Amino acid sequence: MAGRRIIVGIIGAGMADAELEQTAAEVGRRIAGQGWLLVCGGLGGVMAAACRGAREAGGTTVGILPGSDPAAANPDVDIPIATGFGEGRNVIIVRTADLLIAVGGEYGTLSEIAFALKAGKPVVGLGSWDIRGVVPAATPAEAVARAVQLLAQPA
């Protein structure tokens, strides 16, 4: 990672309630505050909220979209990447990120967690799947603090 920005993947449900969106937005703000680049699936719910938070804090966002139309990205995606790969784009998100933070989530999030753990990428879970290999966090501040710790560890 020397010489380049850290890329943090935000994964979570495409539909989220107001509380989960607030949490995701705060994670996005904190990612931007670290100077990290945010990558996500580029659509709604947790993804849109995290992008909004990151952009509000002056960060840069990348959306790895499942479809072929870059215009499908949420309005806070700076760089939309239209893959046409459907759910297969989850692998691209994981392979692009240095670390992932799962905020809530459903089965798509679980697949991303599995891909990340299989690839040896650290995963922090904030109200997400409680499974072996996922480092739990209770707040956005703790999630980003854990990310800082994990990224400081030798690979």
Protein backbone atom coordinates (compact mmCIF):
# COMPACT_ATOMS: atom_id res chain seq x y z
CA MET A 1 0.00 0.00 0.00
CA ALA A 2 3.03 2.26 0.12
CA GLY A 3 2.61 5.18 -2.21
CA ARG A 4 -1.13 4.86 -2.71
CA ARG A 5 -4.31 5.67 -0.83
CA ILE A 6 -5.90 3.04 1.34
CA ILE A 7 -9.15 1.73 -0.13
CA VAL A 8 -11.89 0.71 2.29
CA GLY A 9 -14.91 -1.22 1.11
CA ILE A 10 -18.26 -0.50 2.70
CA ILE A 11 -20.66 -3.39 2.40
CA GLY A 12 -24.23 -3.63 3.61
CA ALA A 13 -27.85 -3.92 2.62
CA GLY A 14 -29.24 -2.10 -0.41
CA MET A 15 -32.25 -1.12 1.67
CA ALA A 16 -31.73 0.34 5.14
CA ASP A 17 -33.76 2.10 7.80
CA ALA A 18 -32.92 5.62 8.97
CA GLU A 19 -30.79 4.43 11.91
CA LEU A 20 -28.65 2.15 9.75
CA GLU A 21 -28.27 4.92 7.17
CA GLN A 22 -27.06 7.31 9.89
CA THR A 23 -24.53 4.72 11.02
CA ALA A 24 -23.30 4.15 7.47
CA ALA A 25 -23.04 7.89 6.81
CA GLU A 26 -20.92 8.33 9.93
CA VAL A 27 -18.64 5.48 8.84
CA GLY A 28 -18.31 7.20 5.45
CA ARG A 29 -17.40 10.51 7.10
CA ARG A 30 -14.77 8.81 9.23
CA ILE A 31 -13.29 6.98 6.23
CA ALA A 32 -12.95 10.31 4.42
CA GLY A 33 -11.45 11.81 7.58
CA GLN A 34 -8.67 9.22 7.41
CA GLY A 35 -7.95 10.22 3.81
CA TRP A 36 -9.07 6.80 2.60
CA LEU A 37 -10.93 6.09 -0.63
CA LEU A 38 -14.37 4.50 -0.19
CA VAL A 39 -15.47 1.71 -2.53
CA CYS A 40 -18.90 0.11 -2.43
CA GLY A 41 -21.60 -1.39 -4.63
CA GLY A 42 -22.72 2.08 -5.67
CA LEU A 43 -26.45 1.69 -5.18
CA GLY A 44 -28.86 2.52 -2.31
CA GLY A 45 -29.21 1.84 1.40
CA VAL A 46 -25.94 1.48 3.29
CA MET A 47 -23.96 2.16 0.11
CA ALA A 48 -25.67 5.49 -0.62
CA ALA A 49 -25.50 6.62 3.00
CA ALA A 50 -21.79 5.81 3.31
CA CYS A 51 -21.07 7.63 0.03
CA ARG A 52 -23.06 10.64 1.21
CA GLY A 53 -21.13 10.77 4.48
CA ALA A 54 -17.78 10.44 2.73
CA ARG A 55 -18.60 13.16 0.19
CA GLU A 56 -19.84 15.49 2.96
CA ALA A 57 -16.42 15.09 4.58
CA GLY A 58 -14.55 15.75 1.34
CA GLY A 59 -13.82 12.12 0.50
CA THR A 60 -13.80 10.25 -2.79
CA THR A 61 -16.22 7.40 -3.56
CA VAL A 62 -16.16 4.59 -6.10
CA GLY A 63 -19.22 2.50 -6.94
CA ILE A 64 -18.75 -0.96 -8.45
CA LEU A 65 -22.16 -1.36 -10.07
CA PRO A 66 -23.87 -4.65 -10.86
CA GLY A 67 -25.38 -3.37 -14.11
CA SER A 68 -24.14 -1.85 -17.34
CA ASP A 69 -25.32 1.73 -16.80
CA PRO A 70 -23.06 4.11 -14.86
CA ALA A 71 -26.06 6.42 -14.39
CA ALA A 72 -27.56 3.83 -12.01
CA ALA A 73 -25.07 4.86 -9.32
CA ASN A 74 -26.30 6.80 -6.32
CA PRO A 75 -25.69 10.56 -6.62
CA ASP A 76 -22.75 10.51 -4.21
CA VAL A 77 -20.62 8.11 -6.24
CA ASP A 78 -17.71 10.04 -7.75
CA ILE A 79 -16.45 7.21 -9.93
CA PRO A 80 -19.08 4.73 -11.17
CA ILE A 81 -17.77 1.47 -12.61
CA ALA A 82 -20.47 -0.36 -14.55
CA THR A 83 -19.56 -4.05 -14.60
CA GLY A 84 -22.60 -5.82 -16.02
CA PHE A 85 -21.60 -8.67 -13.66
CA GLY A 86 -24.65 -8.64 -11.37
CA GLU A 87 -23.84 -10.02 -7.94
CA GLY A 88 -20.46 -11.11 -9.30
CA ARG A 89 -19.40 -7.51 -8.77
CA ASN A 90 -19.11 -8.40 -5.06
CA VAL A 91 -15.81 -10.10 -5.82
CA ILE A 92 -14.53 -6.94 -7.52
CA ILE A 93 -15.44 -4.83 -4.49
CA VAL A 94 -13.57 -7.21 -2.20
CA ARG A 95 -10.51 -7.50 -4.44
CA THR A 96 -10.35 -3.70 -4.80
CA ALA A 97 -10.52 -2.98 -1.06
CA ASP A 98 -7.64 -3.25 1.39
CA LEU A 99 -10.14 -3.75 4.23
CA LEU A 100 -13.93 -4.00 4.42
CA ILE A 101 -16.42 -2.63 6.92
CA ALA A 102 -19.77 -4.40 6.98
CA VAL A 103 -22.61 -2.16 8.19
CA GLY A 104 -25.67 -4.28 8.87
CA GLY A 105 -26.30 -6.44 5.86
CA GLU A 106 -28.12 -9.34 4.35
CA TYR A 107 -27.04 -12.31 2.22
CA GLY A 108 -25.21 -10.17 -0.34
CA THR A 109 -23.16 -8.74 2.51
CA LEU A 110 -22.50 -12.24 3.78
CA SER A 111 -21.15 -13.22 0.36
CA GLU A 112 -18.80 -10.23 0.39
CA ILE A 113 -17.63 -11.13 3.89
CA ALA A 114 -16.94 -14.69 2.75
CA PHE A 115 -15.02 -13.52 -0.33
CA ALA A 116 -13.01 -11.10 1.83
CA LEU A 117 -12.09 -13.67 4.45
CA LYS A 118 -11.16 -16.20 1.77
CA ALA A 119 -8.93 -13.55 0.14
CA GLY A 120 -7.28 -12.76 3.48
CA LYS A 121 -8.76 -9.26 3.70
CA PRO A 122 -9.65 -7.91 7.14
CA VAL A 123 -13.35 -7.35 7.84
CA VAL A 124 -14.85 -5.18 10.57
CA GLY A 125 -18.51 -5.78 11.38
CA LEU A 126 -20.78 -3.03 12.69
CA GLY A 127 -24.16 -4.54 13.52
CA SER A 128 -23.43 -7.18 10.91
CA TRP A 129 -22.86 -10.91 10.70
CA ASP A 130 -21.31 -12.34 13.86
CA ILE A 131 -19.04 -14.97 12.36
CA ARG A 132 -15.47 -16.11 12.87
CA GLY A 133 -13.00 -13.77 11.22
CA VAL A 134 -15.15 -10.64 11.43
CA VAL A 135 -13.81 -8.11 13.95
CA PRO A 136 -16.81 -6.67 15.80
CA ALA A 137 -17.33 -2.97 16.48
CA ALA A 138 -20.15 -1.24 18.35
CA THR A 139 -19.93 2.27 16.88
CA PRO A 140 -18.67 3.94 13.70
CA ALA A 141 -15.74 5.39 15.65
CA GLU A 142 -14.79 1.96 16.93
CA ALA A 143 -15.17 0.41 13.45
CA VAL A 144 -12.72 2.89 11.94
CA ALA A 145 -10.35 2.60 14.92
CA ARG A 146 -10.32 -1.18 14.44
CA ALA A 147 -9.69 -0.64 10.72
CA VAL A 148 -6.69 1.56 11.55
CA GLN A 149 -5.33 -1.17 13.83
CA LEU A 150 -5.88 -3.93 11.27
CA LEU A 151 -4.29 -1.95 8.46
CA ALA A 152 -1.22 -1.29 10.63
CA GLN A 153 -0.61 -5.02 11.07
CA PRO A 154 1.89 -6.64 8.70
CA ALA A 155 0.21 -8.62 5.91
